[in-house]
Amino acid sequence: MANQVVWVDIPVKDLDRAIKFYSAVLGGHVHKEESPGISMGVLPHQEGDAGGCLVKGEEPSAKGPLIYLNANGRLDQAVAAVEANGGKIVQPKHQIGPHGWRAIVLDSEGNRLALHSE
């Protein structure tokens, strides 16, 4: 079965600040794309895989669905990058049964996210 999540738009207030945050936390380059009427930061992903982008517009929120971002094999580094890049740790790294480990954080814009590793 294909991934159920295929794309996610993450709302941000300051696109450049959010690109810096996500590049540091994900350990990969978030590249900025601009077209008439829209600027976005595209999260690292392979063609055909689930992906997402940072978009200016909607108000960031710590409520609503919890999006899990892949920090497999580098969860400690990702968590360390959170506060250093304007985010906040809500729940430090903890085990989630047989499903690995996660930390719940607020990004630099105030969105609640889970960083996940097996």
Protein backbone atom coordinates (compact mmCIF):
# COMPACT_ATOMS: atom_id res chain seq x y z
CA MET A 1 0.00 0.00 0.00
CA ALA A 2 1.26 3.50 -0.81
CA ASN A 3 1.96 6.06 1.90
CA GLN A 4 -1.27 7.57 3.19
CA VAL A 5 0.36 10.96 3.68
CA VAL A 6 1.57 12.25 0.33
CA TRP A 7 2.27 15.92 1.03
CA VAL A 8 1.98 18.43 3.84
CA ASP A 9 1.95 22.22 3.83
CA ILE A 10 3.38 23.59 7.08
CA PRO A 11 2.25 27.17 7.79
CA VAL A 12 4.96 29.68 8.73
CA LYS A 13 5.14 33.36 9.62
CA ASP A 14 8.75 33.95 8.51
CA LEU A 15 9.81 31.73 5.59
CA ASP A 16 13.56 32.34 5.84
CA ARG A 17 13.59 31.68 9.60
CA ALA A 18 11.57 28.49 9.09
CA ILE A 19 13.88 27.30 6.28
CA LYS A 20 16.86 27.72 8.64
CA PHE A 21 15.02 25.83 11.43
CA TYR A 22 13.94 22.88 9.26
CA SER A 23 17.30 22.62 7.47
CA ALA A 24 19.06 22.35 10.85
CA VAL A 25 16.56 19.98 12.47
CA LEU A 26 16.16 17.67 9.45
CA GLY A 27 19.87 17.71 8.60
CA GLY A 28 19.14 18.41 4.95
CA HIS A 29 18.77 21.44 2.73
CA VAL A 30 15.30 22.98 2.55
CA HIS A 31 15.31 24.86 -0.72
CA LYS A 32 13.34 27.98 -1.44
CA GLU A 33 11.15 28.05 -4.53
CA GLU A 34 9.44 31.17 -5.79
CA SER A 35 6.76 31.50 -8.42
CA PRO A 36 4.40 34.37 -9.11
CA GLY A 37 2.24 34.75 -6.02
CA ILE A 38 3.88 32.07 -3.88
CA SER A 39 7.14 31.42 -2.04
CA MET A 40 7.77 28.12 -0.33
CA GLY A 41 10.51 26.08 1.32
CA VAL A 42 10.48 22.52 -0.05
CA LEU A 43 11.46 19.87 2.51
CA PRO A 44 14.05 17.27 1.48
CA HIS A 45 12.44 14.24 -0.18
CA GLN A 46 12.93 11.84 -3.07
CA GLU A 47 10.77 12.05 -6.16
CA GLY A 48 7.67 9.94 -5.63
CA ASP A 49 8.00 9.89 -1.82
CA ALA A 50 5.84 11.77 0.64
CA GLY A 51 7.06 15.32 1.05
CA GLY A 52 6.06 18.76 2.11
CA CYS A 53 6.79 22.43 2.12
CA LEU A 54 6.78 25.50 4.29
CA VAL A 55 4.23 28.07 3.17
CA LYS A 56 3.52 31.56 4.37
CA GLY A 57 -0.14 32.21 4.94
CA GLU A 58 -2.14 30.13 7.38
CA GLU A 59 -1.49 30.77 11.07
CA PRO A 60 0.94 28.26 12.65
CA SER A 61 -0.65 26.16 15.42
CA ALA A 62 0.32 23.89 18.28
CA LYS A 63 -3.12 22.23 17.96
CA GLY A 64 -4.48 19.84 15.38
CA PRO A 65 -2.88 16.83 13.69
CA LEU A 66 0.59 15.78 14.82
CA ILE A 67 2.94 15.41 11.86
CA TYR A 68 5.87 12.99 12.28
CA LEU A 69 9.08 14.01 10.53
CA ASN A 70 11.82 11.51 9.80
CA ALA A 71 14.88 11.89 12.05
CA ASN A 72 15.84 8.22 11.73
CA GLY A 73 19.33 7.58 13.08
CA ARG A 74 19.82 11.23 14.07
CA LEU A 75 17.08 11.99 16.57
CA ASP A 76 19.49 13.29 19.23
CA GLN A 77 21.03 15.74 16.73
CA ALA A 78 17.60 16.84 15.52
CA VAL A 79 16.40 17.50 19.08
CA ALA A 80 19.60 19.41 19.84
CA ALA A 81 18.97 21.63 16.80
CA VAL A 82 15.43 22.58 17.90
CA GLU A 83 16.14 25.20 20.57
CA ALA A 84 19.33 26.36 18.84
CA ASN A 85 17.15 27.34 15.88
CA GLY A 86 14.27 29.07 17.63
CA GLY A 87 12.06 26.09 18.50
CA LYS A 88 10.96 24.58 21.80
CA ILE A 89 11.03 21.02 23.12
CA VAL A 90 7.56 20.03 24.36
CA GLN A 91 8.39 16.38 25.17
CA PRO A 92 12.01 15.22 25.06
CA LYS A 93 13.01 12.01 23.29
CA HIS A 94 10.95 9.07 24.55
CA GLN A 95 10.14 5.55 23.42
CA ILE A 96 6.80 4.87 21.76
CA GLY A 97 6.62 1.12 22.32
CA PRO A 98 7.68 -1.02 19.36
CA HIS A 99 7.39 1.99 17.03
CA GLY A 100 10.69 3.58 17.96
CA TRP A 101 11.39 6.93 19.55
CA ARG A 102 10.03 10.42 19.21
CA ALA A 103 10.36 13.92 20.58
CA ILE A 104 7.54 16.44 20.34
CA VAL A 105 8.64 19.98 19.56
CA LEU A 106 7.35 23.36 18.50
CA ASP A 107 9.06 24.67 15.39
CA SER A 108 10.36 28.22 15.02
CA GLU A 109 6.85 29.30 13.97
CA GLY A 110 4.81 27.63 16.75
CA ASN A 111 3.72 24.43 14.94
CA ARG A 112 3.71 21.22 17.00
CA LEU A 113 5.68 18.38 15.35
CA ALA A 114 7.01 14.93 16.24
CA LEU A 115 10.57 14.02 15.32
CA HIS A 116 10.72 10.22 14.85
CA SER A 117 13.42 7.56 14.73
CA GLU A 118 13.22 3.76 14.70
